[in-house]
N, C-alpha and C. Protein backbone atom coordinates (compact mmCIF):
# COMPACT_ATOMS: atom_id res chain seq x y z
N MET A 1 -29.91 21.60 -38.66
CA MET A 1 -29.41 20.31 -38.35
C MET A 1 -28.53 20.30 -36.94
N ASN A 2 -28.62 19.33 -36.11
CA ASN A 2 -27.93 19.49 -34.83
C ASN A 2 -26.47 19.00 -35.14
N ARG A 3 -25.64 19.86 -34.68
CA ARG A 3 -24.35 19.77 -35.03
C ARG A 3 -23.70 18.71 -34.23
N PHE A 4 -24.17 18.14 -33.00
CA PHE A 4 -23.62 16.99 -32.21
C PHE A 4 -24.02 15.79 -33.11
N ALA A 5 -25.23 15.75 -33.48
CA ALA A 5 -25.64 14.45 -34.14
C ALA A 5 -25.02 14.33 -35.59
N SER A 6 -24.53 15.34 -36.25
CA SER A 6 -23.89 15.21 -37.41
C SER A 6 -22.44 14.83 -37.18
N ASN A 7 -21.89 14.92 -36.11
CA ASN A 7 -20.72 14.40 -35.83
C ASN A 7 -20.68 12.98 -35.18
N GLY A 8 -21.67 12.29 -35.05
CA GLY A 8 -21.83 11.07 -34.49
C GLY A 8 -22.24 11.06 -33.09
N PHE A 9 -22.36 12.11 -32.47
CA PHE A 9 -22.59 12.19 -31.02
C PHE A 9 -24.10 11.98 -30.72
N ARG A 10 -24.51 11.18 -29.89
CA ARG A 10 -25.78 11.05 -29.73
C ARG A 10 -26.13 11.30 -28.18
N PRO A 11 -27.13 11.94 -27.80
CA PRO A 11 -27.45 12.07 -26.32
C PRO A 11 -27.34 10.77 -25.58
N TRP A 12 -27.74 9.82 -25.94
CA TRP A 12 -27.55 8.49 -25.28
C TRP A 12 -26.23 8.20 -24.74
N MET A 13 -25.14 8.72 -25.66
CA MET A 13 -23.80 8.34 -25.35
C MET A 13 -23.25 9.28 -24.10
N MET A 14 -23.83 10.44 -24.22
CA MET A 14 -23.44 11.18 -22.78
C MET A 14 -24.14 10.69 -21.58
N ALA A 15 -25.21 10.14 -21.70
CA ALA A 15 -25.90 9.37 -20.43
C ALA A 15 -25.07 8.28 -20.10
N LEU A 16 -24.76 7.33 -21.21
CA LEU A 16 -23.87 6.25 -20.77
C LEU A 16 -22.57 6.74 -20.29
N LEU A 17 -21.88 7.76 -20.66
CA LEU A 17 -20.55 8.22 -20.16
C LEU A 17 -20.84 8.71 -18.68
N LEU A 18 -21.84 9.31 -18.43
CA LEU A 18 -22.17 9.77 -16.97
C LEU A 18 -22.35 8.61 -16.11
N LEU A 19 -23.22 7.69 -16.54
CA LEU A 19 -23.24 6.52 -15.64
C LEU A 19 -22.19 5.77 -15.59
N ALA A 20 -21.35 5.66 -16.41
CA ALA A 20 -20.07 5.04 -16.28
C ALA A 20 -19.28 5.65 -15.16
N ALA A 21 -19.47 6.82 -15.21
CA ALA A 21 -18.47 7.64 -14.14
C ALA A 21 -18.83 7.57 -12.68
N VAL A 22 -20.35 7.47 -12.52
CA VAL A 22 -20.89 7.40 -11.19
C VAL A 22 -20.31 6.14 -10.39
N PRO A 23 -20.23 4.99 -11.03
CA PRO A 23 -19.63 3.87 -10.03
C PRO A 23 -18.25 3.97 -9.80
N ALA A 24 -17.40 4.70 -10.64
CA ALA A 24 -16.17 4.92 -10.54
C ALA A 24 -15.94 5.64 -9.18
N CYS A 25 -16.51 6.66 -9.05
CA CYS A 25 -16.40 7.64 -7.94
C CYS A 25 -17.14 7.01 -6.75
N ALA A 26 -18.21 6.24 -6.78
CA ALA A 26 -18.76 5.66 -5.53
C ALA A 26 -17.68 4.44 -5.19
N ARG A 27 -17.07 3.69 -5.95
CA ARG A 27 -16.10 2.79 -5.50
C ARG A 27 -14.70 3.17 -4.74
N THR A 28 -14.45 4.29 -4.93
CA THR A 28 -13.39 5.06 -4.14
C THR A 28 -13.91 5.33 -2.70
N SER A 29 -14.94 5.74 -2.65
CA SER A 29 -15.52 6.31 -1.55
C SER A 29 -15.70 5.12 -0.43
N ASP A 30 -15.65 3.91 -0.75
CA ASP A 30 -15.83 2.98 0.22
C ASP A 30 -14.24 2.43 0.72
N LEU A 31 -13.37 3.04 0.13
CA LEU A 31 -12.02 2.52 0.68
C LEU A 31 -11.88 3.18 2.07
N PRO A 32 -11.05 2.66 2.91
CA PRO A 32 -10.68 3.35 4.31
C PRO A 32 -10.19 4.57 4.16
N ALA A 33 -10.21 5.35 5.18
CA ALA A 33 -9.54 6.65 5.40
C ALA A 33 -8.51 6.45 6.09
N PRO A 34 -7.34 7.25 5.98
CA PRO A 34 -6.22 7.04 6.94
C PRO A 34 -6.63 7.31 8.48
N ASN A 35 -6.10 6.62 9.31
CA ASN A 35 -6.64 6.74 10.79
C ASN A 35 -5.63 7.32 11.80
N GLY A 36 -4.55 7.93 11.06
CA GLY A 36 -3.30 8.63 11.90
C GLY A 36 -2.34 7.75 12.32
N THR A 37 -2.54 6.25 12.02
CA THR A 37 -1.42 5.46 12.54
C THR A 37 -0.99 4.70 10.99
N ARG A 38 -0.08 3.92 11.06
CA ARG A 38 0.60 3.23 10.02
C ARG A 38 0.01 1.89 9.70
N VAL A 39 -1.09 1.49 10.52
CA VAL A 39 -1.85 0.20 10.25
C VAL A 39 -3.28 0.53 10.14
N VAL A 40 -3.98 0.24 9.19
CA VAL A 40 -5.39 0.42 8.87
C VAL A 40 -5.92 -0.99 8.63
N ASP A 41 -6.57 -1.65 9.71
CA ASP A 41 -7.06 -2.89 9.50
C ASP A 41 -8.60 -3.00 9.26
N GLN A 42 -8.88 -2.57 8.18
CA GLN A 42 -10.49 -2.73 7.81
C GLN A 42 -10.91 -4.04 7.63
N ALA A 43 -10.07 -5.00 7.47
CA ALA A 43 -10.62 -6.38 7.46
C ALA A 43 -10.73 -7.23 8.77
N ASP A 44 -10.07 -6.45 9.91
CA ASP A 44 -10.19 -6.93 11.03
C ASP A 44 -9.38 -8.24 11.34
N VAL A 45 -8.18 -8.26 10.77
CA VAL A 45 -7.42 -9.53 11.05
C VAL A 45 -6.36 -9.33 12.06
N LEU A 46 -6.15 -8.18 12.56
CA LEU A 46 -5.05 -8.05 13.50
C LEU A 46 -5.64 -7.73 14.80
N SER A 47 -4.92 -8.17 15.81
CA SER A 47 -5.51 -7.95 17.19
C SER A 47 -5.03 -6.49 17.58
N ALA A 48 -5.52 -5.86 18.37
CA ALA A 48 -5.21 -4.42 19.02
C ALA A 48 -3.70 -4.60 19.23
N GLN A 49 -3.23 -5.35 19.95
CA GLN A 49 -1.71 -5.54 20.39
C GLN A 49 -0.90 -5.58 19.12
N ALA A 50 -1.26 -6.33 18.13
CA ALA A 50 -0.40 -6.47 16.73
C ALA A 50 -0.51 -5.24 16.04
N GLU A 51 -1.60 -4.59 16.07
CA GLU A 51 -1.66 -3.14 15.33
C GLU A 51 -0.70 -2.09 15.96
N SER A 52 -0.75 -2.37 17.41
CA SER A 52 0.12 -1.31 17.88
C SER A 52 1.56 -1.73 17.88
N ARG A 53 1.84 -2.81 17.78
CA ARG A 53 3.26 -3.30 17.89
C ARG A 53 3.69 -2.86 16.45
N ILE A 54 2.94 -3.35 15.34
CA ILE A 54 3.48 -3.04 14.06
C ILE A 54 3.56 -1.38 13.64
N ASP A 55 2.62 -0.87 14.19
CA ASP A 55 2.59 0.80 14.20
C ASP A 55 3.77 1.21 14.82
N GLN A 56 4.17 0.87 15.88
CA GLN A 56 5.51 1.26 16.67
C GLN A 56 6.69 1.03 16.02
N ARG A 57 6.67 -0.27 15.40
CA ARG A 57 8.14 -0.80 14.55
C ARG A 57 8.11 0.19 13.30
N LEU A 58 7.03 0.49 12.66
CA LEU A 58 7.05 1.33 11.47
C LEU A 58 7.44 2.91 11.88
N ALA A 59 6.96 3.17 12.87
CA ALA A 59 7.17 4.47 13.35
C ALA A 59 8.66 4.63 13.61
N VAL A 60 9.21 3.66 14.26
CA VAL A 60 10.83 3.83 14.75
C VAL A 60 11.52 3.88 13.46
N TRP A 61 11.14 2.98 12.30
CA TRP A 61 11.79 3.00 11.16
C TRP A 61 11.65 4.41 10.41
N GLU A 62 10.43 4.84 10.45
CA GLU A 62 10.21 6.18 9.82
C GLU A 62 11.20 7.31 10.37
N THR A 63 11.19 7.23 11.72
CA THR A 63 12.22 8.10 12.32
C THR A 63 13.54 8.04 11.98
N GLU A 64 13.99 6.83 11.84
CA GLU A 64 15.50 6.51 11.60
C GLU A 64 15.59 6.59 10.05
N SER A 65 14.85 6.55 9.17
CA SER A 65 15.22 6.48 7.87
C SER A 65 14.43 7.68 7.11
N SER A 66 13.27 7.99 7.51
CA SER A 66 12.43 8.85 6.73
C SER A 66 11.30 8.11 5.85
N ASP A 67 11.65 6.81 5.53
CA ASP A 67 10.76 5.85 4.59
C ASP A 67 9.53 5.68 5.31
N GLN A 68 8.42 5.82 4.80
CA GLN A 68 7.02 5.52 5.33
C GLN A 68 6.55 4.33 4.83
N ILE A 69 6.17 3.36 5.67
CA ILE A 69 5.42 2.14 5.41
C ILE A 69 4.12 2.15 6.14
N VAL A 70 3.18 1.82 5.28
CA VAL A 70 1.79 1.62 5.86
C VAL A 70 1.29 0.28 5.36
N VAL A 71 0.66 -0.43 6.54
CA VAL A 71 -0.01 -1.70 6.11
C VAL A 71 -1.69 -1.27 6.11
N VAL A 72 -2.23 -1.77 5.19
CA VAL A 72 -3.74 -1.71 4.95
C VAL A 72 -4.37 -3.10 4.72
N THR A 73 -5.33 -3.55 5.49
CA THR A 73 -6.13 -4.66 5.23
C THR A 73 -7.60 -4.24 4.87
N LEU A 74 -8.03 -4.88 3.68
CA LEU A 74 -9.13 -4.44 3.15
C LEU A 74 -10.25 -5.51 3.09
N SER A 75 -11.37 -5.24 3.69
CA SER A 75 -12.54 -6.46 3.86
C SER A 75 -13.05 -6.67 2.32
N ASP A 76 -12.91 -5.94 1.50
CA ASP A 76 -13.42 -6.49 0.19
C ASP A 76 -12.91 -5.37 -0.96
N LEU A 77 -12.58 -6.17 -1.90
CA LEU A 77 -11.95 -5.05 -3.16
C LEU A 77 -13.04 -4.72 -4.05
N ALA A 78 -14.22 -5.28 -3.78
CA ALA A 78 -15.24 -5.06 -4.73
C ALA A 78 -15.00 -4.96 -6.30
N ASP A 79 -14.44 -6.13 -6.50
CA ASP A 79 -14.09 -6.56 -8.06
C ASP A 79 -13.05 -5.26 -8.64
N ARG A 80 -12.34 -4.77 -7.71
CA ARG A 80 -11.38 -3.79 -8.17
C ARG A 80 -10.06 -4.49 -8.27
N ASP A 81 -9.09 -3.87 -9.01
CA ASP A 81 -7.72 -4.41 -9.10
C ASP A 81 -7.01 -3.90 -7.97
N ILE A 82 -6.36 -5.03 -7.15
CA ILE A 82 -5.62 -4.58 -5.99
C ILE A 82 -4.62 -3.51 -6.34
N ALA A 83 -3.86 -3.62 -7.41
CA ALA A 83 -2.76 -2.65 -7.68
C ALA A 83 -3.34 -1.32 -7.74
N GLU A 84 -4.52 -1.16 -8.44
CA GLU A 84 -5.31 0.15 -8.65
C GLU A 84 -5.58 0.73 -7.12
N VAL A 85 -6.14 -0.28 -6.41
CA VAL A 85 -6.54 0.19 -5.05
C VAL A 85 -5.37 0.75 -4.17
N GLY A 86 -4.16 0.15 -4.34
CA GLY A 86 -3.00 0.26 -3.81
C GLY A 86 -2.53 1.68 -4.09
N LEU A 87 -2.47 1.88 -5.40
CA LEU A 87 -1.98 3.21 -5.90
C LEU A 87 -3.03 4.35 -5.51
N THR A 88 -4.19 4.08 -5.55
CA THR A 88 -5.20 5.06 -5.00
C THR A 88 -5.10 5.37 -3.64
N LEU A 89 -4.93 4.42 -2.64
CA LEU A 89 -4.59 4.64 -1.24
C LEU A 89 -3.16 5.34 -1.14
N GLY A 90 -2.32 4.84 -1.71
CA GLY A 90 -0.86 5.47 -1.55
C GLY A 90 -0.81 7.07 -1.98
N ASN A 91 -1.49 7.28 -3.14
CA ASN A 91 -1.58 8.61 -3.60
C ASN A 91 -2.49 9.52 -2.60
N SER A 92 -3.65 8.98 -2.35
CA SER A 92 -4.44 9.89 -1.60
C SER A 92 -4.11 9.91 -0.04
N TRP A 93 -3.53 9.01 0.34
CA TRP A 93 -3.02 9.21 1.77
C TRP A 93 -1.73 9.90 1.91
N GLY A 94 -1.07 10.06 0.61
CA GLY A 94 0.20 10.62 0.78
C GLY A 94 1.46 9.92 1.40
N ILE A 95 1.36 8.90 1.16
CA ILE A 95 2.32 7.67 1.85
C ILE A 95 3.70 8.19 1.07
N GLY A 96 4.91 8.30 1.88
CA GLY A 96 5.97 8.61 1.59
C GLY A 96 6.47 10.17 1.38
N GLN A 97 7.48 10.48 1.54
CA GLN A 97 7.91 12.01 1.63
C GLN A 97 7.73 12.54 0.19
N SER A 98 7.14 13.65 0.14
CA SER A 98 7.01 14.27 -0.98
C SER A 98 7.83 15.47 -1.32
N SER A 99 8.85 15.74 -0.36
CA SER A 99 9.68 16.82 -0.45
C SER A 99 11.13 16.47 -0.44
N ALA A 100 12.01 17.35 -0.58
CA ALA A 100 13.49 17.07 -0.32
C ALA A 100 13.84 16.76 0.87
N ASN A 101 12.99 16.90 2.02
CA ASN A 101 13.31 16.49 3.32
C ASN A 101 13.73 15.18 3.47
N ALA A 102 13.22 14.34 2.55
CA ALA A 102 13.53 12.92 2.64
C ALA A 102 14.98 12.59 2.25
N THR A 103 15.88 12.31 3.04
CA THR A 103 17.29 11.92 2.72
C THR A 103 17.39 10.47 3.10
N ARG A 104 18.49 9.73 2.40
CA ARG A 104 18.61 8.35 2.55
C ARG A 104 19.97 8.09 2.15
N SER A 105 21.00 7.50 2.81
CA SER A 105 22.41 7.43 2.27
C SER A 105 23.11 8.46 1.64
N GLY A 106 22.65 9.83 1.96
CA GLY A 106 23.39 10.85 1.25
C GLY A 106 22.70 11.24 -0.02
N SER A 107 21.69 10.65 -0.36
CA SER A 107 20.87 11.23 -1.54
C SER A 107 19.51 11.52 -1.19
N THR A 108 18.95 12.11 -2.07
CA THR A 108 17.57 12.61 -1.61
C THR A 108 16.62 11.87 -2.38
N TYR A 109 15.61 11.16 -1.64
CA TYR A 109 14.55 10.49 -2.21
C TYR A 109 13.24 11.29 -1.93
N VAL A 110 12.33 11.17 -2.89
CA VAL A 110 10.89 11.71 -2.75
C VAL A 110 9.97 10.44 -3.33
N ASN A 111 8.79 10.49 -2.66
CA ASN A 111 8.01 9.28 -2.91
C ASN A 111 8.50 8.16 -2.30
N ASN A 112 9.17 8.14 -1.24
CA ASN A 112 9.69 6.93 -0.48
C ASN A 112 8.81 6.18 0.52
N GLY A 113 7.65 5.84 -0.01
CA GLY A 113 6.73 5.05 0.76
C GLY A 113 6.50 3.66 0.25
N LEU A 114 5.94 2.78 1.01
CA LEU A 114 5.54 1.58 0.95
C LEU A 114 4.36 1.22 1.43
N LEU A 115 3.36 0.43 0.75
CA LEU A 115 2.07 0.18 1.17
C LEU A 115 1.92 -1.33 0.83
N LEU A 116 1.61 -2.00 2.08
CA LEU A 116 1.45 -3.48 2.19
C LEU A 116 -0.11 -3.63 2.13
N VAL A 117 -0.70 -4.03 1.07
CA VAL A 117 -2.25 -4.24 0.83
C VAL A 117 -2.59 -5.66 1.07
N VAL A 118 -3.49 -5.93 2.02
CA VAL A 118 -3.86 -7.24 2.17
C VAL A 118 -5.30 -7.29 2.15
N ALA A 119 -5.89 -8.13 1.09
CA ALA A 119 -7.43 -8.25 0.92
C ALA A 119 -7.71 -9.82 1.21
N PRO A 120 -7.85 -10.36 2.50
CA PRO A 120 -8.12 -11.68 2.72
C PRO A 120 -9.15 -12.33 2.22
N ASN A 121 -10.39 -11.56 2.09
CA ASN A 121 -11.49 -12.21 1.51
C ASN A 121 -11.49 -12.41 0.12
N ASP A 122 -10.51 -11.70 -0.37
CA ASP A 122 -10.26 -11.88 -2.03
C ASP A 122 -9.01 -12.70 -2.16
N LYS A 123 -8.29 -13.07 -1.14
CA LYS A 123 -7.03 -13.82 -1.33
C LYS A 123 -5.98 -13.13 -1.93
N LEU A 124 -5.83 -11.88 -1.91
CA LEU A 124 -4.82 -11.21 -2.48
C LEU A 124 -3.92 -10.27 -1.72
N THR A 125 -2.70 -10.09 -1.92
CA THR A 125 -1.77 -9.30 -1.26
C THR A 125 -0.94 -8.55 -2.44
N ARG A 126 -0.49 -7.46 -1.93
CA ARG A 126 0.48 -6.54 -2.93
C ARG A 126 1.23 -5.60 -2.10
N ILE A 127 2.25 -5.39 -2.58
CA ILE A 127 3.14 -4.33 -1.98
C ILE A 127 3.27 -3.20 -2.92
N GLU A 128 2.82 -2.22 -2.91
CA GLU A 128 2.99 -0.94 -3.55
C GLU A 128 4.43 -0.21 -3.21
N VAL A 129 5.11 0.05 -4.20
CA VAL A 129 6.54 0.77 -3.82
C VAL A 129 6.46 2.17 -4.43
N GLY A 130 6.80 3.18 -3.58
CA GLY A 130 6.94 4.63 -4.26
C GLY A 130 8.16 4.54 -5.16
N LEU A 131 8.16 5.62 -6.04
CA LEU A 131 9.06 5.60 -7.09
C LEU A 131 10.60 5.89 -6.20
N GLY A 132 10.59 6.62 -5.19
CA GLY A 132 11.91 6.74 -4.44
C GLY A 132 12.48 5.46 -3.91
N LEU A 133 11.73 4.32 -3.86
CA LEU A 133 12.18 2.97 -3.30
C LEU A 133 12.12 1.97 -4.34
N GLU A 134 11.82 2.22 -5.55
CA GLU A 134 11.78 1.10 -6.40
C GLU A 134 13.13 0.47 -6.70
N SER A 135 14.12 1.07 -6.59
CA SER A 135 15.48 0.48 -6.67
C SER A 135 15.97 -0.39 -5.60
N VAL A 136 15.14 0.02 -4.46
CA VAL A 136 15.53 -0.68 -3.22
C VAL A 136 14.76 -2.05 -3.12
N VAL A 137 13.34 -1.76 -3.06
CA VAL A 137 12.21 -2.95 -3.33
C VAL A 137 11.87 -3.05 -4.67
N THR A 138 12.41 -3.96 -5.43
CA THR A 138 12.14 -4.09 -6.74
C THR A 138 10.78 -4.85 -6.85
N ASN A 139 10.06 -5.03 -8.15
CA ASN A 139 8.79 -5.85 -8.18
C ASN A 139 9.21 -7.23 -7.77
N ASP A 140 10.52 -7.98 -8.12
CA ASP A 140 10.68 -9.02 -7.92
C ASP A 140 10.99 -9.37 -6.36
N GLU A 141 11.58 -8.50 -5.85
CA GLU A 141 11.94 -8.62 -4.37
C GLU A 141 10.39 -8.46 -3.52
N ALA A 142 9.59 -7.60 -3.98
CA ALA A 142 8.22 -7.54 -3.60
C ALA A 142 7.53 -8.78 -3.64
N ALA A 143 7.75 -9.30 -4.74
CA ALA A 143 6.92 -10.57 -5.01
C ALA A 143 7.60 -11.84 -4.06
N ALA A 144 8.95 -11.80 -3.87
CA ALA A 144 9.66 -12.66 -3.27
C ALA A 144 9.02 -12.57 -1.81
N ILE A 145 8.78 -11.45 -1.15
CA ILE A 145 8.60 -11.10 0.22
C ILE A 145 7.11 -11.55 0.27
N ILE A 146 6.23 -11.54 -0.46
CA ILE A 146 4.90 -11.99 -0.38
C ILE A 146 4.93 -13.43 -0.47
N ARG A 147 5.70 -14.23 -1.42
CA ARG A 147 5.64 -15.66 -1.60
C ARG A 147 6.43 -16.24 -0.45
N ASP A 148 7.41 -15.64 0.00
CA ASP A 148 8.29 -16.40 1.04
C ASP A 148 8.06 -16.00 2.50
N ALA A 149 7.58 -14.96 2.68
CA ALA A 149 7.41 -14.43 4.28
C ALA A 149 5.99 -14.20 4.45
N ILE A 150 4.94 -13.79 3.49
CA ILE A 150 3.72 -13.53 3.98
C ILE A 150 2.73 -14.64 3.76
N LEU A 151 2.73 -15.31 2.46
CA LEU A 151 1.91 -16.31 1.99
C LEU A 151 1.81 -17.44 2.90
N PRO A 152 2.99 -18.08 3.35
CA PRO A 152 3.13 -19.25 4.05
C PRO A 152 2.11 -19.06 5.48
N ALA A 153 2.24 -17.96 6.09
CA ALA A 153 1.39 -17.79 7.25
C ALA A 153 -0.05 -17.67 7.06
N PHE A 154 -0.33 -16.96 5.85
CA PHE A 154 -1.74 -16.62 5.38
C PHE A 154 -2.47 -18.08 4.90
N GLN A 155 -1.69 -18.93 4.30
CA GLN A 155 -2.08 -20.16 4.14
C GLN A 155 -2.48 -21.04 5.09
N ALA A 156 -1.75 -20.77 6.28
CA ALA A 156 -1.98 -21.40 7.69
C ALA A 156 -3.18 -20.85 8.36
N GLY A 157 -3.65 -19.78 7.72
CA GLY A 157 -4.79 -18.89 8.36
C GLY A 157 -4.29 -17.96 9.48
N ASP A 158 -3.08 -17.54 9.35
CA ASP A 158 -2.56 -16.59 10.35
C ASP A 158 -2.20 -15.34 9.80
N TYR A 159 -3.35 -14.63 9.57
CA TYR A 159 -2.89 -13.24 9.00
C TYR A 159 -2.06 -12.29 9.72
N GLU A 160 -2.31 -12.32 11.07
CA GLU A 160 -1.33 -11.59 11.89
C GLU A 160 0.19 -11.92 11.50
N ALA A 161 0.41 -13.20 11.84
CA ALA A 161 1.90 -13.56 11.61
C ALA A 161 2.27 -13.29 10.13
N GLY A 162 1.57 -13.37 9.06
CA GLY A 162 2.08 -13.17 7.73
C GLY A 162 2.26 -11.65 7.56
N ILE A 163 1.41 -10.79 8.11
CA ILE A 163 1.70 -9.44 8.07
C ILE A 163 2.93 -9.08 8.92
N ASP A 164 3.02 -9.57 10.00
CA ASP A 164 4.15 -9.34 10.69
C ASP A 164 5.55 -9.57 10.09
N ALA A 165 5.66 -10.83 9.56
CA ALA A 165 6.54 -11.46 8.62
C ALA A 165 6.93 -10.53 7.56
N GLY A 166 5.79 -10.07 6.92
CA GLY A 166 5.95 -9.06 5.64
C GLY A 166 6.83 -7.85 6.10
N VAL A 167 6.16 -7.32 7.29
CA VAL A 167 6.76 -5.94 7.85
C VAL A 167 8.38 -6.28 8.05
N THR A 168 8.50 -7.40 8.64
CA THR A 168 10.01 -7.59 8.92
C THR A 168 10.91 -7.80 7.71
N ALA A 169 10.31 -8.54 6.71
CA ALA A 169 11.26 -8.75 5.44
C ALA A 169 11.15 -7.41 4.91
N LEU A 170 10.30 -6.39 4.81
CA LEU A 170 10.45 -5.28 4.19
C LEU A 170 11.46 -4.21 4.98
N LEU A 171 11.42 -4.46 6.24
CA LEU A 171 12.43 -3.64 7.07
C LEU A 171 13.85 -4.17 6.88
N ASP A 172 13.95 -5.50 6.69
CA ASP A 172 15.20 -6.09 6.38
C ASP A 172 15.84 -5.64 5.04
N GLU A 173 15.02 -5.56 4.21
CA GLU A 173 15.48 -5.47 2.53
C GLU A 173 15.72 -3.87 2.63
N LEU A 174 14.99 -2.88 3.38
CA LEU A 174 15.37 -1.47 3.24
C LEU A 174 16.58 -1.42 4.21
N SER A 175 16.97 -2.14 5.25
CA SER A 175 18.17 -1.91 6.22
C SER A 175 19.30 -2.40 5.39
N ARG A 176 19.20 -3.54 4.50
CA ARG A 176 20.25 -3.90 3.65
C ARG A 176 20.83 -2.89 2.89
N ASP A 177 19.84 -2.02 2.13
CA ASP A 177 20.19 -0.91 1.20
C ASP A 177 20.88 0.04 2.02
N ARG A 178 20.42 0.36 3.25
CA ARG A 178 21.14 1.33 4.05
C ARG A 178 22.66 0.90 4.57
N GLY A 179 22.86 -0.64 4.48
CA GLY A 179 24.07 -1.15 5.12
C GLY A 179 23.98 -1.24 6.60
N ASP A 180 22.59 -1.33 7.13
CA ASP A 180 22.52 -1.34 8.52
C ASP A 180 21.61 -2.43 8.77
N ALA A 181 22.03 -3.68 8.92
CA ALA A 181 21.12 -4.84 9.28
C ALA A 181 20.54 -4.76 10.57
N ALA A 182 21.26 -4.04 11.38
CA ALA A 182 20.80 -4.05 13.02
C ALA A 182 19.54 -3.03 13.10
N ALA A 183 19.22 -2.13 12.02
CA ALA A 183 18.24 -0.94 12.07
C ALA A 183 16.97 -1.78 12.11
N SER A 184 16.54 -2.81 11.36
CA SER A 184 15.31 -3.46 11.31
C SER A 184 15.13 -4.25 12.59
N GLN A 185 16.24 -4.66 13.26
CA GLN A 185 16.03 -5.44 14.55
C GLN A 185 15.67 -4.45 15.53
N GLY A 186 16.32 -3.30 15.36
CA GLY A 186 15.81 -2.33 16.29
C GLY A 186 14.54 -1.80 16.22
N ALA A 187 13.86 -1.92 15.09
CA ALA A 187 12.64 -1.69 14.70
C ALA A 187 11.49 -2.76 15.29
N LYS A 188 12.04 -3.77 15.83
CA LYS A 188 11.23 -4.69 16.17
C LYS A 188 10.53 -4.66 17.52
């Protein structure tokens, strides 16, 4: 007697499991790769000038604070959950300091990254916050930034202005935590 069959295992179950695993692997391969900057515009909603300007602002902020912020636009989520995509990108790209080298206000932060994910064709936006900054940019604050700073411009069809406003709001929030409101202004 087949020992697997007696335990309820059927060969077709193995085939089904293998088939289910293939789309999950293929789905992550169509996500954009990091491009060496802090802006990855796969959806092509930003001008080259805006990409450069936002990248420079985020580079200045990273130098001043060690916090890493990355903006990614996606042409299509392919029926994936935006939160899952954001976590996958944040983890695979290594956004945020992963060592004790990251210091902020006298305390050590690890995983101090933020990822602004915009999927214009799916009409979805999300801010993924690394564990080291969750007390600074809470879920409620991230939702308010999306609602109040980003979505009004998106609803007017101006993704560039919405992303720029979102970056400014994130830098302002992080600056307030540092007690340095001028820092985000300098990163403009």
